[in-house]
Amino acid sequence: MADNYVFLGPPGAGKGTLGELFCQDKGVIHVSTGQLLRDEMAAGSELGLQVKELIASGALVSDDIVTAMVSKRLGQADILEHGCLLDGYPRTVAQADSLAEILSANGTKLTATVLIDAERSMLIGRLTARRMCSNKECGAIYNLSVKKPVKEGVCDRCGSPLYQRSDDSEATALGRLKVYDEQTAPLIEYYRQRGQLVTTMSTDAPIEDNYQAMLKALEGHC
């Protein structure tokens, strides 16, 4: 049976970087809800058209639509064979219940939920040091604290200029962490009660050290 994982953690904890290493190492497929939304809109599917209308009107994409997209993706052959790492889903207890139903219907289950936590002072430093690739098709993310580009101001992947988002300020960082605490705390408890939660701490150590610490925490779950 293929392994399926959920990564949780505050913004700036390094979920994306550790998740990328994990997918390469374990052969599971990265499933990002943001990318699913973009793919459905690009394909012009019925779900994609609904999302496009909602975004155009300034409305939020409903749980039902996001869950439908996740269900469709997780039922595809490559996921059933190799498993997946879910990024951005679930965000609520209701979504966690839906995920359990989707996996059960597919004849699979959740292997583990990994909580990647970190000290708040470090998170704020990381969030205000983020740089984004200006090429939307690339979408690479760097951090001047933990993941610098080889050449300052230039994307390693595609050579496009990097930029700093206007909302990457300390006040915004604190706001994002507050929202995370409010929304994610129930989800952490949800998976802890089910014995599916694995916790690892992200530090200012090299990425490989943080990755090895995460693997050690996951021993017995991979």
N, C-alpha and C. Protein backbone atom coordinates (compact mmCIF):
# COMPACT_ATOMS: atom_id res chain seq x y z
N MET A 1 0.84 -1.20 0.00
CA MET A 1 0.00 0.00 0.00
C MET A 1 0.88 1.25 0.00
N ALA A 2 0.55 2.21 -0.85
CA ALA A 2 1.34 3.44 -0.95
C ALA A 2 1.20 4.28 0.32
N ASP A 3 2.24 5.00 0.64
CA ASP A 3 2.23 5.87 1.82
C ASP A 3 1.73 7.27 1.46
N ASN A 4 0.92 7.84 2.35
CA ASN A 4 0.40 9.19 2.16
C ASN A 4 0.70 10.01 3.41
N TYR A 5 1.15 11.24 3.21
CA TYR A 5 1.56 12.09 4.33
C TYR A 5 0.92 13.47 4.23
N VAL A 6 0.73 14.07 5.39
CA VAL A 6 0.32 15.48 5.49
C VAL A 6 1.42 16.20 6.25
N PHE A 7 1.87 17.34 5.75
CA PHE A 7 2.84 18.19 6.46
C PHE A 7 2.11 19.41 7.00
N LEU A 8 2.22 19.64 8.30
CA LEU A 8 1.69 20.83 8.95
C LEU A 8 2.85 21.65 9.51
N GLY A 9 2.59 22.92 9.77
CA GLY A 9 3.61 23.73 10.40
C GLY A 9 3.39 25.20 10.11
N PRO A 10 3.92 26.07 10.97
CA PRO A 10 3.74 27.51 10.77
C PRO A 10 4.46 28.00 9.53
N PRO A 11 4.02 29.12 8.98
CA PRO A 11 4.73 29.70 7.83
C PRO A 11 6.16 30.03 8.22
N GLY A 12 7.09 29.65 7.35
CA GLY A 12 8.50 29.92 7.64
C GLY A 12 9.24 28.76 8.27
N ALA A 13 8.52 27.67 8.57
CA ALA A 13 9.16 26.53 9.25
C ALA A 13 9.97 25.65 8.30
N GLY A 14 9.77 25.84 7.00
CA GLY A 14 10.53 25.05 6.03
C GLY A 14 9.80 23.86 5.47
N LYS A 15 8.46 23.86 5.55
CA LYS A 15 7.68 22.73 5.03
C LYS A 15 7.98 22.47 3.56
N GLY A 16 8.04 23.54 2.78
CA GLY A 16 8.25 23.39 1.34
C GLY A 16 9.59 22.76 1.02
N THR A 17 10.66 23.25 1.66
CA THR A 17 12.00 22.73 1.40
C THR A 17 12.12 21.28 1.87
N LEU A 18 11.65 21.00 3.09
CA LEU A 18 11.73 19.64 3.61
C LEU A 18 10.82 18.70 2.81
N GLY A 19 9.68 19.21 2.39
CA GLY A 19 8.77 18.40 1.59
C GLY A 19 9.37 18.03 0.25
N GLU A 20 10.08 18.96 -0.36
CA GLU A 20 10.73 18.69 -1.64
C GLU A 20 11.77 17.59 -1.50
N LEU A 21 12.58 17.66 -0.44
CA LEU A 21 13.58 16.63 -0.18
C LEU A 21 12.92 15.28 0.08
N PHE A 22 11.84 15.31 0.84
CA PHE A 22 11.13 14.09 1.21
C PHE A 22 10.55 13.39 -0.02
N CYS A 23 9.95 14.17 -0.91
CA CYS A 23 9.37 13.59 -2.13
C CYS A 23 10.45 12.98 -3.01
N GLN A 24 11.58 13.66 -3.13
CA GLN A 24 12.68 13.12 -3.92
C GLN A 24 13.23 11.83 -3.31
N ASP A 25 13.30 11.82 -2.00
CA ASP A 25 13.89 10.69 -1.28
C ASP A 25 12.97 9.47 -1.26
N LYS A 26 11.70 9.70 -1.00
CA LYS A 26 10.75 8.59 -0.79
C LYS A 26 9.95 8.24 -2.04
N GLY A 27 10.00 9.11 -3.06
CA GLY A 27 9.27 8.81 -4.28
C GLY A 27 7.79 9.10 -4.23
N VAL A 28 7.33 9.76 -3.15
CA VAL A 28 5.92 10.15 -3.09
C VAL A 28 5.71 11.42 -3.92
N ILE A 29 4.48 11.67 -4.30
CA ILE A 29 4.16 12.77 -5.20
C ILE A 29 3.64 13.97 -4.42
N HIS A 30 4.22 15.13 -4.70
CA HIS A 30 3.81 16.36 -4.03
C HIS A 30 2.48 16.83 -4.59
N VAL A 31 1.50 17.03 -3.71
CA VAL A 31 0.18 17.51 -4.12
C VAL A 31 -0.10 18.82 -3.41
N SER A 32 -0.07 19.91 -4.16
CA SER A 32 -0.32 21.25 -3.62
C SER A 32 -1.71 21.69 -4.03
N THR A 33 -2.51 22.12 -3.06
CA THR A 33 -3.87 22.56 -3.40
C THR A 33 -3.83 23.81 -4.28
N GLY A 34 -2.85 24.67 -4.07
CA GLY A 34 -2.71 25.85 -4.91
C GLY A 34 -2.48 25.47 -6.36
N GLN A 35 -1.62 24.47 -6.58
CA GLN A 35 -1.34 24.02 -7.94
C GLN A 35 -2.55 23.31 -8.54
N LEU A 36 -3.29 22.57 -7.73
CA LEU A 36 -4.50 21.92 -8.22
C LEU A 36 -5.50 22.94 -8.75
N LEU A 37 -5.66 24.03 -7.99
CA LEU A 37 -6.58 25.10 -8.42
C LEU A 37 -6.14 25.69 -9.75
N ARG A 38 -4.84 25.96 -9.85
CA ARG A 38 -4.32 26.54 -11.10
C ARG A 38 -4.47 25.57 -12.27
N ASP A 39 -4.21 24.29 -12.02
CA ASP A 39 -4.30 23.29 -13.09
C ASP A 39 -5.74 23.15 -13.58
N GLU A 40 -6.69 23.12 -12.65
CA GLU A 40 -8.10 22.98 -13.05
C GLU A 40 -8.57 24.19 -13.85
N MET A 41 -8.14 25.39 -13.43
CA MET A 41 -8.52 26.59 -14.18
C MET A 41 -7.91 26.57 -15.58
N ALA A 42 -6.65 26.15 -15.66
CA ALA A 42 -5.96 26.11 -16.96
C ALA A 42 -6.61 25.08 -17.89
N ALA A 43 -7.11 23.99 -17.31
CA ALA A 43 -7.72 22.93 -18.11
C ALA A 43 -9.14 23.29 -18.55
N GLY A 44 -9.73 24.30 -17.89
CA GLY A 44 -11.09 24.71 -18.24
C GLY A 44 -12.14 23.69 -17.82
N SER A 45 -11.81 22.89 -16.79
CA SER A 45 -12.77 21.89 -16.30
C SER A 45 -13.94 22.57 -15.60
N GLU A 46 -14.97 21.78 -15.31
CA GLU A 46 -16.14 22.33 -14.62
C GLU A 46 -15.72 22.92 -13.27
N LEU A 47 -14.89 22.18 -12.53
CA LEU A 47 -14.39 22.69 -11.25
C LEU A 47 -13.55 23.95 -11.46
N GLY A 48 -12.70 23.92 -12.49
CA GLY A 48 -11.85 25.06 -12.78
C GLY A 48 -12.65 26.31 -13.09
N LEU A 49 -13.74 26.16 -13.83
CA LEU A 49 -14.59 27.31 -14.17
C LEU A 49 -15.26 27.88 -12.91
N GLN A 50 -15.68 26.99 -12.02
CA GLN A 50 -16.26 27.44 -10.75
C GLN A 50 -15.25 28.24 -9.94
N VAL A 51 -14.00 27.73 -9.88
CA VAL A 51 -12.95 28.42 -9.14
C VAL A 51 -12.67 29.79 -9.76
N LYS A 52 -12.62 29.83 -11.08
CA LYS A 52 -12.33 31.08 -11.78
C LYS A 52 -13.38 32.13 -11.47
N GLU A 53 -14.63 31.72 -11.45
CA GLU A 53 -15.73 32.65 -11.14
C GLU A 53 -15.64 33.15 -9.71
N LEU A 54 -15.32 32.25 -8.79
CA LEU A 54 -15.21 32.64 -7.38
C LEU A 54 -14.07 33.64 -7.18
N ILE A 55 -12.93 33.35 -7.77
CA ILE A 55 -11.77 34.22 -7.62
C ILE A 55 -12.05 35.58 -8.25
N ALA A 56 -12.71 35.58 -9.42
CA ALA A 56 -13.03 36.84 -10.11
C ALA A 56 -13.97 37.70 -9.27
N SER A 57 -14.84 37.05 -8.49
CA SER A 57 -15.80 37.80 -7.66
C SER A 57 -15.22 38.17 -6.30
N GLY A 58 -14.00 37.68 -6.02
CA GLY A 58 -13.36 37.98 -4.74
C GLY A 58 -13.78 37.06 -3.62
N ALA A 59 -14.53 36.00 -3.95
CA ALA A 59 -15.00 35.06 -2.93
C ALA A 59 -13.95 33.99 -2.66
N LEU A 60 -14.08 33.33 -1.50
CA LEU A 60 -13.18 32.25 -1.16
C LEU A 60 -13.64 30.96 -1.83
N VAL A 61 -12.68 30.12 -2.18
CA VAL A 61 -13.02 28.82 -2.75
C VAL A 61 -13.50 27.92 -1.61
N SER A 62 -14.67 27.33 -1.78
CA SER A 62 -15.30 26.57 -0.70
C SER A 62 -14.56 25.27 -0.40
N ASP A 63 -14.81 24.76 0.80
CA ASP A 63 -14.27 23.47 1.21
C ASP A 63 -14.68 22.38 0.23
N ASP A 64 -15.95 22.44 -0.23
CA ASP A 64 -16.47 21.39 -1.11
C ASP A 64 -15.68 21.33 -2.41
N ILE A 65 -15.35 22.49 -2.98
CA ILE A 65 -14.62 22.53 -4.25
C ILE A 65 -13.19 22.04 -4.06
N VAL A 66 -12.53 22.53 -2.99
CA VAL A 66 -11.15 22.11 -2.73
C VAL A 66 -11.11 20.60 -2.49
N THR A 67 -12.05 20.09 -1.71
CA THR A 67 -12.09 18.65 -1.43
C THR A 67 -12.35 17.85 -2.70
N ALA A 68 -13.22 18.36 -3.57
CA ALA A 68 -13.49 17.66 -4.83
C ALA A 68 -12.22 17.57 -5.68
N MET A 69 -11.44 18.64 -5.70
CA MET A 69 -10.19 18.65 -6.47
C MET A 69 -9.18 17.67 -5.88
N VAL A 70 -9.08 17.67 -4.57
CA VAL A 70 -8.15 16.74 -3.90
C VAL A 70 -8.58 15.30 -4.15
N SER A 71 -9.88 15.04 -4.05
CA SER A 71 -10.40 13.69 -4.27
C SER A 71 -10.09 13.21 -5.69
N LYS A 72 -10.29 14.09 -6.65
CA LYS A 72 -10.00 13.74 -8.05
C LYS A 72 -8.53 13.40 -8.24
N ARG A 73 -7.64 14.22 -7.65
CA ARG A 73 -6.20 14.01 -7.82
C ARG A 73 -5.73 12.74 -7.12
N LEU A 74 -6.23 12.50 -5.90
CA LEU A 74 -5.77 11.35 -5.14
C LEU A 74 -6.28 10.02 -5.72
N GLY A 75 -7.27 10.09 -6.60
CA GLY A 75 -7.77 8.89 -7.23
C GLY A 75 -7.04 8.52 -8.51
N GLN A 76 -6.06 9.33 -8.90
CA GLN A 76 -5.33 9.07 -10.13
C GLN A 76 -4.24 8.02 -9.91
N ALA A 77 -3.89 7.34 -11.01
CA ALA A 77 -3.05 6.14 -10.94
C ALA A 77 -1.68 6.39 -10.29
N ASP A 78 -1.05 7.53 -10.60
CA ASP A 78 0.30 7.77 -10.07
C ASP A 78 0.29 7.91 -8.55
N ILE A 79 -0.77 8.54 -8.01
CA ILE A 79 -0.88 8.68 -6.55
C ILE A 79 -1.17 7.33 -5.91
N LEU A 80 -2.06 6.58 -6.52
CA LEU A 80 -2.41 5.26 -5.96
C LEU A 80 -1.19 4.35 -5.93
N GLU A 81 -0.29 4.53 -6.89
CA GLU A 81 0.90 3.68 -6.95
C GLU A 81 2.01 4.16 -6.03
N HIS A 82 2.25 5.48 -6.03
CA HIS A 82 3.42 6.01 -5.32
C HIS A 82 3.11 6.71 -3.99
N GLY A 83 1.86 7.06 -3.76
CA GLY A 83 1.52 7.81 -2.56
C GLY A 83 1.76 9.29 -2.76
N CYS A 84 1.46 10.09 -1.73
CA CYS A 84 1.57 11.54 -1.90
C CYS A 84 1.94 12.24 -0.60
N LEU A 85 2.38 13.47 -0.78
CA LEU A 85 2.59 14.40 0.32
C LEU A 85 1.65 15.57 0.08
N LEU A 86 0.70 15.77 0.97
CA LEU A 86 -0.29 16.83 0.81
C LEU A 86 0.21 18.14 1.39
N ASP A 87 0.12 19.19 0.59
CA ASP A 87 0.59 20.52 0.96
C ASP A 87 -0.59 21.48 0.86
N GLY A 88 -1.03 22.02 2.00
CA GLY A 88 -2.15 22.96 1.99
C GLY A 88 -3.50 22.32 2.21
N TYR A 89 -3.53 21.04 2.46
CA TYR A 89 -4.77 20.32 2.72
C TYR A 89 -4.44 19.12 3.60
N PRO A 90 -5.19 18.90 4.68
CA PRO A 90 -6.34 19.67 5.14
C PRO A 90 -5.94 20.91 5.94
N ARG A 91 -6.82 21.89 5.97
CA ARG A 91 -6.61 23.09 6.78
C ARG A 91 -7.58 23.17 7.95
N THR A 92 -8.59 22.34 7.94
CA THR A 92 -9.60 22.32 9.01
C THR A 92 -9.90 20.88 9.39
N VAL A 93 -10.56 20.72 10.53
CA VAL A 93 -10.95 19.38 10.98
C VAL A 93 -11.93 18.76 9.99
N ALA A 94 -12.84 19.57 9.44
CA ALA A 94 -13.80 19.06 8.47
C ALA A 94 -13.07 18.51 7.24
N GLN A 95 -12.03 19.21 6.79
CA GLN A 95 -11.24 18.73 5.66
C GLN A 95 -10.48 17.46 6.02
N ALA A 96 -10.01 17.38 7.26
CA ALA A 96 -9.31 16.17 7.71
C ALA A 96 -10.24 14.95 7.66
N ASP A 97 -11.49 15.16 8.07
CA ASP A 97 -12.48 14.07 7.98
C ASP A 97 -12.71 13.67 6.52
N SER A 98 -12.79 14.68 5.65
CA SER A 98 -12.99 14.40 4.21
C SER A 98 -11.81 13.64 3.64
N LEU A 99 -10.60 14.02 4.05
CA LEU A 99 -9.41 13.32 3.57
C LEU A 99 -9.43 11.86 3.98
N ALA A 100 -9.80 11.59 5.21
CA ALA A 100 -9.87 10.20 5.68
C ALA A 100 -10.85 9.39 4.82
N GLU A 101 -11.97 10.02 4.46
CA GLU A 101 -12.98 9.34 3.63
C GLU A 101 -12.44 9.09 2.22
N ILE A 102 -11.72 10.08 1.67
CA ILE A 102 -11.15 9.94 0.32
C ILE A 102 -10.15 8.79 0.28
N LEU A 103 -9.25 8.76 1.26
CA LEU A 103 -8.23 7.72 1.29
C LEU A 103 -8.85 6.34 1.50
N SER A 104 -9.86 6.27 2.35
CA SER A 104 -10.53 4.99 2.60
C SER A 104 -11.21 4.49 1.33
N ALA A 105 -11.85 5.40 0.61
CA ALA A 105 -12.53 5.03 -0.64
C ALA A 105 -11.53 4.53 -1.69
N ASN A 106 -10.29 5.03 -1.62
CA ASN A 106 -9.25 4.61 -2.55
C ASN A 106 -8.52 3.35 -2.10
N GLY A 107 -8.90 2.84 -0.94
CA GLY A 107 -8.24 1.65 -0.41
C GLY A 107 -6.88 1.94 0.19
N THR A 108 -6.63 3.21 0.55
CA THR A 108 -5.36 3.59 1.17
C THR A 108 -5.65 4.28 2.51
N LYS A 109 -4.61 4.79 3.15
CA LYS A 109 -4.80 5.48 4.41
C LYS A 109 -3.67 6.50 4.60
N LEU A 110 -3.82 7.32 5.62
CA LEU A 110 -2.79 8.30 5.96
C LEU A 110 -1.71 7.62 6.78
N THR A 111 -0.47 7.71 6.31
CA THR A 111 0.65 7.09 7.01
C THR A 111 1.03 7.88 8.25
N ALA A 112 1.15 9.20 8.09
CA ALA A 112 1.51 10.07 9.22
C ALA A 112 1.25 11.52 8.85
N THR A 113 1.02 12.32 9.88
CA THR A 113 0.97 13.77 9.75
C THR A 113 2.20 14.33 10.44
N VAL A 114 3.00 15.07 9.72
CA VAL A 114 4.25 15.61 10.25
C VAL A 114 4.07 17.07 10.62
N LEU A 115 4.22 17.39 11.90
CA LEU A 115 4.20 18.78 12.34
C LEU A 115 5.63 19.29 12.39
N ILE A 116 5.93 20.25 11.52
CA ILE A 116 7.26 20.86 11.49
C ILE A 116 7.15 22.18 12.23
N ASP A 117 7.61 22.20 13.47
CA ASP A 117 7.47 23.38 14.33
C ASP A 117 8.79 24.14 14.40
N ALA A 118 8.76 25.34 14.99
CA ALA A 118 9.97 26.16 15.09
C ALA A 118 9.74 27.29 16.09
N GLU A 119 10.85 27.83 16.62
CA GLU A 119 10.77 28.98 17.52
C GLU A 119 10.22 30.20 16.76
N ARG A 120 9.38 30.99 17.43
CA ARG A 120 8.75 32.13 16.77
C ARG A 120 9.74 33.19 16.30
N SER A 121 10.77 33.44 17.07
CA SER A 121 11.75 34.46 16.66
C SER A 121 12.42 34.08 15.35
N MET A 122 12.70 32.80 15.18
CA MET A 122 13.31 32.33 13.95
C MET A 122 12.32 32.42 12.78
N LEU A 123 11.07 32.11 13.05
CA LEU A 123 10.06 32.18 12.00
C LEU A 123 9.91 33.60 11.46
N ILE A 124 9.88 34.56 12.37
CA ILE A 124 9.74 35.95 11.94
C ILE A 124 10.93 36.37 11.09
N GLY A 125 12.13 35.96 11.51
CA GLY A 125 13.32 36.27 10.73
C GLY A 125 13.26 35.67 9.34
N ARG A 126 12.79 34.43 9.27
CA ARG A 126 12.69 33.76 7.98
C ARG A 126 11.63 34.39 7.09
N LEU A 127 10.48 34.71 7.67
CA LEU A 127 9.38 35.26 6.87
C LEU A 127 9.72 36.62 6.26
N THR A 128 10.50 37.38 6.98
CA THR A 128 10.87 38.70 6.44
C THR A 128 12.07 38.63 5.51
N ALA A 129 12.68 37.44 5.40
CA ALA A 129 13.84 37.27 4.52
C ALA A 129 13.49 36.50 3.25
N ARG A 130 12.21 36.25 3.04
CA ARG A 130 11.79 35.46 1.88
C ARG A 130 11.96 36.25 0.57
N ARG A 131 12.35 35.53 -0.47
CA ARG A 131 12.42 36.09 -1.81
C ARG A 131 11.74 35.13 -2.77
N MET A 132 11.01 35.68 -3.73
CA MET A 132 10.23 34.89 -4.67
C MET A 132 10.77 35.06 -6.09
N CYS A 133 10.66 33.99 -6.89
CA CYS A 133 11.02 34.08 -8.30
C CYS A 133 9.94 34.87 -9.03
N SER A 134 10.36 35.82 -9.87
CA SER A 134 9.40 36.65 -10.60
C SER A 134 8.74 35.91 -11.76
N ASN A 135 9.29 34.74 -12.11
CA ASN A 135 8.71 33.92 -13.17
C ASN A 135 7.63 33.03 -12.55
N LYS A 136 6.36 33.34 -12.82
CA LYS A 136 5.25 32.62 -12.19
C LYS A 136 5.24 31.14 -12.56
N GLU A 137 5.75 30.80 -13.73
CA GLU A 137 5.78 29.39 -14.13
C GLU A 137 6.80 28.60 -13.32
N CYS A 138 7.80 29.29 -12.80
CA CYS A 138 8.83 28.64 -11.98
C CYS A 138 8.36 28.57 -10.53
N GLY A 139 8.08 29.74 -9.94
CA GLY A 139 7.53 29.79 -8.59
C GLY A 139 8.48 29.42 -7.47
N ALA A 140 9.79 29.40 -7.74
CA ALA A 140 10.76 29.03 -6.70
C ALA A 140 10.75 30.04 -5.56
N ILE A 141 10.97 29.54 -4.35
CA ILE A 141 10.99 30.39 -3.15
C ILE A 141 12.34 30.24 -2.46
N TYR A 142 12.93 31.36 -2.08
CA TYR A 142 14.23 31.36 -1.39
C TYR A 142 14.08 32.09 -0.06
N ASN A 143 15.07 31.92 0.78
CA ASN A 143 15.09 32.63 2.04
C ASN A 143 16.53 32.99 2.36
N LEU A 144 16.77 34.25 2.59
CA LEU A 144 18.14 34.71 2.80
C LEU A 144 18.75 34.16 4.08
N SER A 145 17.90 33.58 4.94
CA SER A 145 18.41 32.98 6.18
C SER A 145 18.81 31.53 6.01
N VAL A 146 18.02 30.78 5.23
CA VAL A 146 18.23 29.34 5.19
C VAL A 146 18.40 28.75 3.79
N LYS A 147 17.95 29.45 2.78
CA LYS A 147 18.02 28.90 1.43
C LYS A 147 18.33 30.03 0.44
N LYS A 148 19.57 30.48 0.44
CA LYS A 148 19.97 31.59 -0.42
C LYS A 148 20.15 31.10 -1.85
N PRO A 149 19.87 31.99 -2.83
CA PRO A 149 20.21 31.64 -4.21
C PRO A 149 21.72 31.67 -4.38
N VAL A 150 22.21 30.91 -5.36
CA VAL A 150 23.66 30.88 -5.60
C VAL A 150 24.15 32.28 -5.96
N LYS A 151 23.40 32.96 -6.82
CA LYS A 151 23.74 34.32 -7.22
C LYS A 151 22.70 35.26 -6.65
N GLU A 152 23.14 36.26 -5.91
CA GLU A 152 22.24 37.17 -5.23
C GLU A 152 21.24 37.79 -6.20
N GLY A 153 19.95 37.67 -5.83
CA GLY A 153 18.90 38.31 -6.62
C GLY A 153 18.48 37.57 -7.87
N VAL A 154 19.01 36.35 -8.09
CA VAL A 154 18.72 35.61 -9.31
C VAL A 154 18.27 34.18 -8.97
N CYS A 155 17.22 33.71 -9.61
CA CYS A 155 16.69 32.36 -9.36
C CYS A 155 17.64 31.30 -9.88
N ASP A 156 17.96 30.31 -9.05
CA ASP A 156 18.83 29.21 -9.45
C ASP A 156 18.19 28.37 -10.56
N ARG A 157 16.87 28.24 -10.51
CA ARG A 157 16.18 27.33 -11.44
C ARG A 157 16.09 27.91 -12.85
N CYS A 158 15.65 29.16 -12.95
CA CYS A 158 15.33 29.69 -14.28
C CYS A 158 16.06 30.97 -14.64
N GLY A 159 16.82 31.54 -13.70
CA GLY A 159 17.60 32.73 -14.00
C GLY A 159 16.82 34.03 -13.96
N SER A 160 15.55 33.97 -13.54
CA SER A 160 14.74 35.19 -13.46
C SER A 160 15.09 35.99 -12.21
N PRO A 161 14.81 37.29 -12.20
CA PRO A 161 15.06 38.11 -11.00
C PRO A 161 14.19 37.65 -9.82
N LEU A 162 14.74 37.77 -8.62
CA LEU A 162 13.96 37.51 -7.41
C LEU A 162 13.41 38.81 -6.87
N TYR A 163 12.30 38.73 -6.13
CA TYR A 163 11.74 39.94 -5.53
C TYR A 163 11.20 39.62 -4.13
N GLN A 164 11.02 40.67 -3.35
CA GLN A 164 10.46 40.53 -2.01
C GLN A 164 9.01 40.99 -2.04
N ARG A 165 8.13 40.15 -1.56
CA ARG A 165 6.71 40.53 -1.53
C ARG A 165 6.51 41.69 -0.57
N SER A 166 5.61 42.59 -0.95
CA SER A 166 5.37 43.78 -0.13
C SER A 166 4.78 43.44 1.23
N ASP A 167 4.17 42.26 1.34
CA ASP A 167 3.56 41.89 2.62
C ASP A 167 4.49 41.06 3.51
N ASP A 168 5.75 40.95 3.12
CA ASP A 168 6.72 40.22 3.95
C ASP A 168 7.34 41.12 5.01
N SER A 169 6.48 41.75 5.80
CA SER A 169 6.93 42.63 6.88
C SER A 169 6.75 41.92 8.21
N GLU A 170 7.32 42.47 9.28
CA GLU A 170 7.20 41.82 10.59
C GLU A 170 5.75 41.79 11.05
N ALA A 171 5.02 42.89 10.82
CA ALA A 171 3.62 42.95 11.24
C ALA A 171 2.80 41.88 10.52
N THR A 172 3.06 41.73 9.24
CA THR A 172 2.35 40.72 8.46
C THR A 172 2.74 39.32 8.93
N ALA A 173 4.02 39.13 9.23
CA ALA A 173 4.49 37.83 9.71
C ALA A 173 3.77 37.45 11.01
N LEU A 174 3.66 38.39 11.93
CA LEU A 174 2.97 38.13 13.19
C LEU A 174 1.50 37.79 12.97
N GLY A 175 0.89 38.49 12.01
CA GLY A 175 -0.50 38.22 11.68
C GLY A 175 -0.69 36.83 11.10
N ARG A 176 0.22 36.42 10.24
CA ARG A 176 0.14 35.09 9.63
C ARG A 176 0.30 34.00 10.68
N LEU A 177 1.20 34.24 11.63
CA LEU A 177 1.41 33.25 12.69
C LEU A 177 0.19 33.15 13.60
N LYS A 178 -0.47 34.26 13.83
CA LYS A 178 -1.68 34.26 14.65
C LYS A 178 -2.79 33.46 13.97
N VAL A 179 -2.95 33.68 12.68
CA VAL A 179 -3.97 32.94 11.92
C VAL A 179 -3.65 31.44 11.94
N TYR A 180 -2.38 31.12 11.77
CA TYR A 180 -1.95 29.72 11.80
C TYR A 180 -2.32 29.08 13.14
N ASP A 181 -2.01 29.78 14.24
CA ASP A 181 -2.30 29.24 15.57
C ASP A 181 -3.79 28.96 15.72
N GLU A 182 -4.61 29.89 15.26
CA GLU A 182 -6.05 29.76 15.43
C GLU A 182 -6.62 28.64 14.57
N GLN A 183 -6.12 28.52 13.34
CA GLN A 183 -6.71 27.55 12.41
C GLN A 183 -6.14 26.15 12.56
N THR A 184 -4.87 26.06 12.91
CA THR A 184 -4.20 24.76 12.85
C THR A 184 -4.19 24.01 14.17
N ALA A 185 -4.29 24.70 15.29
CA ALA A 185 -4.27 24.03 16.59
C ALA A 185 -5.28 22.89 16.68
N PRO A 186 -6.53 23.08 16.25
CA PRO A 186 -7.49 21.96 16.31
C PRO A 186 -7.07 20.78 15.44
N LEU A 187 -6.42 21.06 14.31
CA LEU A 187 -5.98 20.01 13.40
C LEU A 187 -4.84 19.20 14.01
N ILE A 188 -3.94 19.89 14.70
CA ILE A 188 -2.84 19.21 15.38
C ILE A 188 -3.39 18.25 16.44
N GLU A 189 -4.35 18.72 17.20
CA GLU A 189 -4.96 17.88 18.24
C GLU A 189 -5.73 16.72 17.61
N TYR A 190 -6.38 16.97 16.49
CA TYR A 190 -7.13 15.94 15.76
C TYR A 190 -6.23 14.76 15.43
N TYR A 191 -5.06 15.03 14.87
CA TYR A 191 -4.15 13.95 14.48
C TYR A 191 -3.41 13.37 15.68
N ARG A 192 -3.18 14.18 16.71
CA ARG A 192 -2.54 13.66 17.92
C ARG A 192 -3.44 12.62 18.58
N GLN A 193 -4.72 12.90 18.66
CA GLN A 193 -5.66 11.97 19.29
C GLN A 193 -5.77 10.66 18.53
N ARG A 194 -5.49 10.69 17.23
CA ARG A 194 -5.57 9.49 16.41
C ARG A 194 -4.24 8.76 16.29
N GLY A 195 -3.23 9.26 17.01
CA GLY A 195 -1.92 8.62 17.00
C GLY A 195 -1.20 8.75 15.68
N GLN A 196 -1.56 9.77 14.89
CA GLN A 196 -0.96 9.93 13.57
C GLN A 196 -0.01 11.12 13.49
N LEU A 197 0.21 11.81 14.61
CA LEU A 197 1.03 13.02 14.59
C LEU A 197 2.47 12.74 14.96
N VAL A 198 3.38 13.22 14.11
CA VAL A 198 4.82 13.14 14.36
C VAL A 198 5.33 14.57 14.38
N THR A 199 6.10 14.95 15.41
CA THR A 199 6.57 16.33 15.54
C THR A 199 8.08 16.41 15.41
N THR A 200 8.54 17.38 14.65
CA THR A 200 9.97 17.66 14.51
C THR A 200 10.18 19.16 14.58
N MET A 201 11.34 19.58 15.09
CA MET A 201 11.64 21.01 15.22
C MET A 201 12.59 21.44 14.11
N SER A 202 12.21 22.52 13.45
CA SER A 202 13.07 23.14 12.45
C SER A 202 13.93 24.18 13.16
N THR A 203 15.24 24.18 12.88
CA THR A 203 16.16 25.10 13.53
C THR A 203 16.98 25.84 12.48
N ASP A 204 17.92 26.65 12.94
CA ASP A 204 18.80 27.36 12.02
C ASP A 204 19.96 26.49 11.54
N ALA A 205 19.93 25.22 11.87
CA ALA A 205 20.96 24.28 11.40
C ALA A 205 20.82 24.12 9.88
N PRO A 206 21.82 23.55 9.21
CA PRO A 206 21.71 23.29 7.77
C PRO A 206 20.47 22.47 7.43
N ILE A 207 19.95 22.66 6.24
CA ILE A 207 18.72 21.99 5.81
C ILE A 207 18.83 20.48 5.97
N GLU A 208 19.97 19.92 5.62
CA GLU A 208 20.15 18.48 5.70
C GLU A 208 20.01 17.98 7.14
N ASP A 209 20.48 18.78 8.10
CA ASP A 209 20.34 18.41 9.52
C ASP A 209 18.87 18.37 9.92
N ASN A 210 18.12 19.38 9.49
CA ASN A 210 16.69 19.41 9.79
C ASN A 210 15.97 18.25 9.13
N TYR A 211 16.40 17.91 7.93
CA TYR A 211 15.77 16.80 7.21
C TYR A 211 16.03 15.47 7.92
N GLN A 212 17.27 15.27 8.35
CA GLN A 212 17.60 14.03 9.05
C GLN A 212 16.85 13.93 10.39
N ALA A 213 16.68 15.07 11.06
CA ALA A 213 15.92 15.07 12.31
C ALA A 213 14.46 14.69 12.05
N MET A 214 13.92 15.16 10.94
CA MET A 214 12.55 14.82 10.58
C MET A 214 12.42 13.32 10.29
N LEU A 215 13.38 12.78 9.53
CA LEU A 215 13.35 11.35 9.22
C LEU A 215 13.43 10.51 10.48
N LYS A 216 14.23 10.96 11.44
CA LYS A 216 14.38 10.22 12.71
C LYS A 216 13.03 10.21 13.45
N ALA A 217 12.35 11.37 13.44
CA ALA A 217 11.04 11.45 14.10
C ALA A 217 10.03 10.55 13.41
N LEU A 218 10.21 10.33 12.11
CA LEU A 218 9.27 9.52 11.32
C LEU A 218 9.58 8.02 11.36
N GLU A 219 10.65 7.63 12.02
CA GLU A 219 11.01 6.21 12.07
C GLU A 219 9.84 5.39 12.56
N GLY A 220 9.55 4.34 11.81
CA GLY A 220 8.40 3.51 12.16
C GLY A 220 7.13 3.89 11.43
N HIS A 221 7.18 5.07 10.74
CA HIS A 221 6.00 5.53 10.00
C HIS A 221 6.22 5.52 8.50
N CYS A 222 7.46 5.28 8.04
CA CYS A 222 7.76 5.32 6.60
C CYS A 222 7.74 3.89 6.03
